[in-house]
């Protein structure tokens, strides 16, 4: 089934947000990262750790873990689950690891698109 123009637009908005969160300049700013995260955000990281909106700042922004290697994103795909709710899947690679990623984005009337849930699973692929 082919996505409607509205569905494609919503999926693209979620993709744009996901790619912004992978941008080192965005990740260096607590304010920019926080603005892209849903107030109820949580993540199961590739390490197995559970992250929340505040704890994710430990590895972004002022978390000061040093410069990150660029992320190479492939196989980005999105599905509109319901109006204002998009599920994304993609493969993210850095020189030291490869991870399959899954995200759920939801649109807020006042704040726009925000990341609600994210999971990373290490892979050899």
N, C-alpha and C. Protein backbone atom coordinates (compact mmCIF):
# COMPACT_ATOMS: atom_id res chain seq x y z
N UNK A 1 0.85 -1.18 0.00
CA UNK A 1 0.00 0.00 0.00
C UNK A 1 0.89 1.24 0.00
N UNK A 2 0.63 2.13 -0.91
CA UNK A 2 1.42 3.36 -1.01
C UNK A 2 0.93 4.39 0.00
N UNK A 3 1.90 5.08 0.61
CA UNK A 3 1.57 6.09 1.62
C UNK A 3 0.95 7.32 0.95
N UNK A 4 0.02 7.95 1.64
CA UNK A 4 -0.60 9.17 1.16
C UNK A 4 0.40 10.31 1.28
N UNK A 5 0.16 11.43 0.59
CA UNK A 5 1.07 12.58 0.76
C UNK A 5 1.19 13.02 2.21
N UNK A 6 0.09 12.99 2.96
CA UNK A 6 0.14 13.39 4.37
C UNK A 6 1.00 12.41 5.17
N UNK A 7 0.85 11.12 4.91
CA UNK A 7 1.67 10.12 5.61
C UNK A 7 3.13 10.31 5.27
N UNK A 8 3.45 10.54 4.00
CA UNK A 8 4.84 10.76 3.60
C UNK A 8 5.41 11.99 4.29
N UNK A 9 4.61 13.04 4.41
CA UNK A 9 5.05 14.27 5.07
C UNK A 9 5.34 14.01 6.56
N UNK A 10 4.49 13.26 7.23
CA UNK A 10 4.71 12.95 8.64
C UNK A 10 5.95 12.07 8.83
N UNK A 11 6.11 11.08 7.96
CA UNK A 11 7.29 10.22 8.03
C UNK A 11 8.55 11.05 7.81
N UNK A 12 8.53 11.95 6.84
CA UNK A 12 9.70 12.78 6.57
C UNK A 12 10.02 13.69 7.75
N UNK A 13 9.00 14.20 8.42
CA UNK A 13 9.24 15.05 9.60
C UNK A 13 9.96 14.25 10.69
N UNK A 14 9.55 13.00 10.89
CA UNK A 14 10.22 12.15 11.88
C UNK A 14 11.66 11.85 11.45
N UNK A 15 11.87 11.55 10.18
CA UNK A 15 13.22 11.30 9.68
C UNK A 15 14.09 12.53 9.89
N UNK A 16 13.56 13.70 9.57
CA UNK A 16 14.33 14.94 9.76
C UNK A 16 14.74 15.11 11.22
N UNK A 17 13.82 14.83 12.14
CA UNK A 17 14.13 14.94 13.57
C UNK A 17 15.19 13.93 13.98
N UNK A 18 15.07 12.71 13.50
CA UNK A 18 16.05 11.66 13.84
C UNK A 18 17.44 12.05 13.36
N UNK A 19 17.52 12.55 12.14
CA UNK A 19 18.82 12.96 11.59
C UNK A 19 19.40 14.15 12.34
N UNK A 20 18.53 15.05 12.80
CA UNK A 20 19.01 16.18 13.61
C UNK A 20 19.63 15.67 14.91
N UNK A 21 19.01 14.67 15.53
CA UNK A 21 19.55 14.13 16.78
C UNK A 21 20.89 13.43 16.58
N UNK A 22 21.19 13.02 15.37
CA UNK A 22 22.48 12.39 15.07
C UNK A 22 23.55 13.41 14.69
N UNK A 23 23.16 14.65 14.48
CA UNK A 23 24.08 15.71 14.09
C UNK A 23 24.93 16.11 15.30
N UNK A 24 26.26 16.05 15.19
CA UNK A 24 27.12 16.41 16.32
C UNK A 24 26.87 17.82 16.86
N UNK A 25 26.53 18.77 16.01
CA UNK A 25 26.25 20.14 16.49
C UNK A 25 24.99 20.18 17.34
N UNK A 26 23.98 19.42 16.96
CA UNK A 26 22.75 19.36 17.75
C UNK A 26 23.04 18.63 19.06
N UNK A 27 23.74 17.51 18.99
CA UNK A 27 24.06 16.71 20.18
C UNK A 27 24.90 17.48 21.18
N UNK A 28 25.62 18.49 20.73
CA UNK A 28 26.46 19.29 21.63
C UNK A 28 25.65 20.30 22.44
N UNK A 29 24.36 20.43 22.14
CA UNK A 29 23.53 21.42 22.81
C UNK A 29 22.42 20.74 23.62
N UNK A 30 22.49 20.89 24.94
CA UNK A 30 21.43 20.34 25.78
C UNK A 30 20.06 20.86 25.36
N UNK A 31 19.98 22.14 25.04
CA UNK A 31 18.70 22.76 24.68
C UNK A 31 18.14 22.16 23.38
N UNK A 32 19.00 21.97 22.37
CA UNK A 32 18.53 21.40 21.10
C UNK A 32 18.11 19.95 21.25
N UNK A 33 18.87 19.18 22.02
CA UNK A 33 18.51 17.77 22.24
C UNK A 33 17.20 17.69 23.00
N UNK A 34 17.11 18.44 24.08
CA UNK A 34 15.90 18.41 24.90
C UNK A 34 14.67 18.81 24.11
N UNK A 35 14.81 19.79 23.21
CA UNK A 35 13.67 20.24 22.40
C UNK A 35 13.16 19.15 21.46
N UNK A 36 14.01 18.18 21.13
CA UNK A 36 13.61 17.10 20.22
C UNK A 36 13.11 15.86 20.96
N UNK A 37 13.20 15.88 22.28
CA UNK A 37 12.77 14.71 23.07
C UNK A 37 11.41 14.95 23.71
N UNK A 38 10.55 13.97 23.58
CA UNK A 38 9.24 13.99 24.23
C UNK A 38 9.43 14.04 25.75
N UNK A 39 8.56 14.71 26.48
CA UNK A 39 8.69 14.73 27.93
C UNK A 39 8.69 13.32 28.54
N UNK A 40 8.08 12.35 27.87
CA UNK A 40 8.03 10.97 28.36
C UNK A 40 9.07 10.07 27.68
N UNK A 41 10.05 10.66 27.00
CA UNK A 41 11.06 9.91 26.27
C UNK A 41 11.77 8.88 27.13
N UNK A 42 12.01 7.70 26.52
CA UNK A 42 12.93 6.73 27.10
C UNK A 42 13.57 5.93 25.98
N UNK A 43 14.71 5.34 26.30
CA UNK A 43 15.49 4.60 25.32
C UNK A 43 16.10 3.37 25.96
N UNK A 44 16.13 2.28 25.19
CA UNK A 44 16.94 1.13 25.52
C UNK A 44 18.13 1.21 24.59
N UNK A 45 19.29 1.57 25.13
CA UNK A 45 20.48 1.78 24.33
C UNK A 45 21.13 0.49 23.88
N UNK A 46 22.05 0.63 22.93
CA UNK A 46 22.79 -0.53 22.43
C UNK A 46 23.56 -1.22 23.55
N UNK A 47 23.88 -0.48 24.61
CA UNK A 47 24.59 -1.04 25.76
C UNK A 47 23.67 -1.86 26.65
N UNK A 48 22.34 -1.74 26.45
CA UNK A 48 21.37 -2.39 27.32
C UNK A 48 20.85 -1.46 28.40
N UNK A 49 21.45 -0.28 28.53
CA UNK A 49 21.04 0.68 29.55
C UNK A 49 19.72 1.35 29.17
N UNK A 50 18.91 1.65 30.18
CA UNK A 50 17.68 2.42 29.97
C UNK A 50 18.00 3.88 30.23
N UNK A 51 17.66 4.74 29.28
CA UNK A 51 17.91 6.17 29.37
C UNK A 51 16.58 6.91 29.44
N UNK A 52 16.58 8.05 30.09
CA UNK A 52 15.43 8.94 30.13
C UNK A 52 15.82 10.28 29.54
N UNK A 53 14.89 11.19 29.55
CA UNK A 53 15.13 12.51 28.95
C UNK A 53 16.31 13.22 29.61
N UNK A 54 16.43 13.14 30.91
CA UNK A 54 17.54 13.81 31.60
C UNK A 54 18.84 13.03 31.49
N UNK A 55 18.77 11.71 31.64
CA UNK A 55 20.01 10.93 31.63
C UNK A 55 20.65 10.84 30.25
N UNK A 56 19.87 11.03 29.20
CA UNK A 56 20.47 10.98 27.86
C UNK A 56 21.44 12.14 27.67
N UNK A 57 21.26 13.22 28.42
CA UNK A 57 22.18 14.35 28.33
C UNK A 57 23.57 14.01 28.85
N UNK A 58 23.69 12.88 29.55
CA UNK A 58 25.01 12.42 30.00
C UNK A 58 25.90 12.06 28.81
N UNK A 59 25.31 11.66 27.70
CA UNK A 59 26.11 11.26 26.52
C UNK A 59 25.96 12.24 25.36
N UNK A 60 25.22 13.29 25.57
CA UNK A 60 25.09 14.35 24.58
C UNK A 60 25.35 15.66 25.30
N UNK A 61 25.32 16.74 24.57
CA UNK A 61 25.41 18.07 25.18
C UNK A 61 26.53 18.21 26.19
N UNK A 62 26.17 18.59 27.39
CA UNK A 62 27.17 18.88 28.43
C UNK A 62 27.75 17.61 29.04
N UNK A 63 27.37 16.45 28.51
CA UNK A 63 27.92 15.21 29.03
C UNK A 63 29.41 15.07 28.80
N UNK A 64 29.97 15.83 27.89
CA UNK A 64 31.42 15.91 27.66
C UNK A 64 32.10 14.55 27.57
N UNK A 65 31.67 13.75 26.60
CA UNK A 65 32.34 12.46 26.38
C UNK A 65 33.35 12.57 25.26
N UNK A 66 33.58 13.76 24.77
CA UNK A 66 34.54 13.96 23.69
C UNK A 66 33.84 13.88 22.35
N UNK A 67 34.59 14.17 21.27
CA UNK A 67 33.97 14.17 19.95
C UNK A 67 33.57 12.77 19.53
N UNK A 68 32.41 12.69 18.92
CA UNK A 68 31.91 11.42 18.43
C UNK A 68 32.27 11.26 16.96
N UNK A 69 32.51 10.02 16.56
CA UNK A 69 32.73 9.74 15.15
C UNK A 69 31.42 9.97 14.41
N UNK A 70 31.48 10.42 13.16
CA UNK A 70 30.25 10.61 12.39
C UNK A 70 29.47 9.30 12.26
N UNK A 71 28.16 9.41 12.24
CA UNK A 71 27.29 8.26 12.08
C UNK A 71 26.91 8.15 10.61
N UNK A 72 27.03 6.95 10.07
CA UNK A 72 26.59 6.68 8.71
C UNK A 72 25.24 5.96 8.82
N UNK A 73 24.20 6.58 8.28
CA UNK A 73 22.84 6.04 8.36
C UNK A 73 22.47 5.42 7.03
N UNK A 74 21.98 4.18 7.08
CA UNK A 74 21.47 3.50 5.89
C UNK A 74 20.15 2.82 6.22
N UNK A 75 19.45 2.43 5.21
CA UNK A 75 18.20 1.66 5.33
C UNK A 75 17.13 2.38 6.15
N UNK A 76 17.10 3.71 6.12
CA UNK A 76 16.10 4.47 6.86
C UNK A 76 14.72 4.21 6.24
N UNK A 77 13.79 3.79 7.08
CA UNK A 77 12.42 3.53 6.63
C UNK A 77 11.46 3.97 7.72
N UNK A 78 10.30 4.44 7.30
CA UNK A 78 9.31 4.90 8.26
C UNK A 78 7.93 4.38 7.94
N UNK A 79 7.13 4.24 9.00
CA UNK A 79 5.74 3.81 8.88
C UNK A 79 4.88 4.71 9.75
N UNK A 80 3.81 5.21 9.19
CA UNK A 80 2.85 5.99 9.97
C UNK A 80 1.96 5.00 10.72
N UNK A 81 2.09 4.96 12.05
CA UNK A 81 1.31 4.03 12.86
C UNK A 81 -0.10 4.54 13.12
N UNK A 82 -0.22 5.85 13.29
CA UNK A 82 -1.47 6.55 13.55
C UNK A 82 -1.20 8.01 13.23
N UNK A 83 -2.24 8.83 13.05
CA UNK A 83 -1.96 10.24 12.81
C UNK A 83 -1.09 10.81 13.92
N UNK A 84 0.07 11.36 13.54
CA UNK A 84 0.97 11.96 14.51
C UNK A 84 1.88 10.99 15.23
N UNK A 85 1.95 9.74 14.77
CA UNK A 85 2.83 8.74 15.39
C UNK A 85 3.56 7.98 14.27
N UNK A 86 4.89 8.07 14.26
CA UNK A 86 5.71 7.46 13.21
C UNK A 86 6.74 6.54 13.83
N UNK A 87 6.89 5.36 13.23
CA UNK A 87 7.92 4.41 13.62
C UNK A 87 9.01 4.42 12.56
N UNK A 88 10.26 4.62 12.99
CA UNK A 88 11.41 4.60 12.08
C UNK A 88 12.31 3.43 12.41
N UNK A 89 12.93 2.86 11.38
CA UNK A 89 13.98 1.87 11.55
C UNK A 89 15.13 2.24 10.63
N UNK A 90 16.36 1.95 11.09
CA UNK A 90 17.52 2.23 10.26
C UNK A 90 18.75 1.55 10.83
N UNK A 91 19.80 1.59 10.07
CA UNK A 91 21.08 1.03 10.47
C UNK A 91 22.03 2.20 10.66
N UNK A 92 22.71 2.25 11.81
CA UNK A 92 23.67 3.32 12.11
C UNK A 92 25.04 2.69 12.31
N UNK A 93 26.05 3.24 11.63
CA UNK A 93 27.39 2.68 11.74
C UNK A 93 28.39 3.77 12.08
N UNK A 94 29.27 3.42 12.99
CA UNK A 94 30.47 4.20 13.32
C UNK A 94 31.63 3.23 13.15
N UNK A 95 32.85 3.74 13.08
CA UNK A 95 33.98 2.82 12.90
C UNK A 95 34.03 1.71 13.96
N UNK A 96 33.64 2.01 15.18
CA UNK A 96 33.77 1.03 16.27
C UNK A 96 32.55 0.13 16.47
N UNK A 97 31.40 0.46 15.85
CA UNK A 97 30.22 -0.40 16.04
C UNK A 97 29.13 -0.11 15.03
N UNK A 98 28.28 -1.12 14.89
CA UNK A 98 27.11 -1.03 14.02
C UNK A 98 25.88 -1.38 14.85
N UNK A 99 24.82 -0.62 14.63
CA UNK A 99 23.63 -0.77 15.46
C UNK A 99 22.38 -0.66 14.59
N UNK A 100 21.43 -1.57 14.80
CA UNK A 100 20.09 -1.43 14.21
C UNK A 100 19.31 -0.56 15.18
N UNK A 101 18.61 0.43 14.65
CA UNK A 101 17.91 1.37 15.51
C UNK A 101 16.42 1.44 15.15
N UNK A 102 15.63 1.70 16.17
CA UNK A 102 14.18 1.80 16.03
C UNK A 102 13.72 2.98 16.88
N UNK A 103 12.91 3.85 16.31
CA UNK A 103 12.43 5.04 17.02
C UNK A 103 10.94 5.23 16.79
N UNK A 104 10.29 5.77 17.80
CA UNK A 104 8.89 6.18 17.68
C UNK A 104 8.83 7.68 17.95
N UNK A 105 8.31 8.40 16.98
CA UNK A 105 8.15 9.85 17.07
C UNK A 105 6.67 10.17 17.19
N UNK A 106 6.36 11.19 17.99
CA UNK A 106 4.97 11.65 18.04
C UNK A 106 4.92 13.17 17.96
N UNK A 107 3.86 13.62 17.32
CA UNK A 107 3.69 15.06 17.09
C UNK A 107 2.86 15.66 18.22
N UNK A 108 3.37 16.78 18.74
CA UNK A 108 2.67 17.53 19.77
C UNK A 108 2.13 18.81 19.14
N UNK A 109 0.89 19.17 19.42
CA UNK A 109 0.31 20.36 18.80
C UNK A 109 1.15 21.62 19.01
N UNK A 110 1.72 21.79 20.20
CA UNK A 110 2.47 23.01 20.50
C UNK A 110 3.95 22.88 20.17
N UNK A 111 4.51 21.68 20.29
CA UNK A 111 5.96 21.51 20.20
C UNK A 111 6.44 20.83 18.93
N UNK A 112 5.55 20.32 18.11
CA UNK A 112 5.97 19.63 16.89
C UNK A 112 6.40 18.20 17.17
N UNK A 113 7.24 17.67 16.30
CA UNK A 113 7.67 16.27 16.38
C UNK A 113 8.75 16.08 17.44
N UNK A 114 8.52 15.06 18.29
CA UNK A 114 9.47 14.75 19.35
C UNK A 114 9.66 13.23 19.44
N UNK A 115 10.86 12.85 19.79
CA UNK A 115 11.20 11.44 19.94
C UNK A 115 10.62 10.91 21.24
N UNK A 116 9.76 9.89 21.14
CA UNK A 116 9.11 9.29 22.30
C UNK A 116 9.88 8.06 22.80
N UNK A 117 10.33 7.20 21.86
CA UNK A 117 11.01 5.96 22.24
C UNK A 117 12.11 5.66 21.24
N UNK A 118 13.21 5.08 21.75
CA UNK A 118 14.32 4.69 20.87
C UNK A 118 14.97 3.43 21.41
N UNK A 119 15.39 2.55 20.50
CA UNK A 119 16.12 1.36 20.90
C UNK A 119 17.25 1.11 19.91
N UNK A 120 18.39 0.73 20.44
CA UNK A 120 19.53 0.35 19.61
C UNK A 120 19.96 -1.08 19.94
N UNK A 121 20.18 -1.87 18.89
CA UNK A 121 20.62 -3.25 19.06
C UNK A 121 21.89 -3.47 18.26
N UNK A 122 23.01 -3.79 18.90
CA UNK A 122 24.25 -4.01 18.16
C UNK A 122 24.09 -5.16 17.17
N UNK A 123 24.80 -5.04 16.05
CA UNK A 123 24.74 -6.06 15.01
C UNK A 123 26.11 -6.19 14.35
N UNK A 124 26.34 -7.29 13.72
CA UNK A 124 27.57 -7.49 12.95
C UNK A 124 27.37 -7.09 11.50
N UNK A 125 26.13 -6.86 11.11
CA UNK A 125 25.79 -6.53 9.71
C UNK A 125 26.32 -5.19 9.31
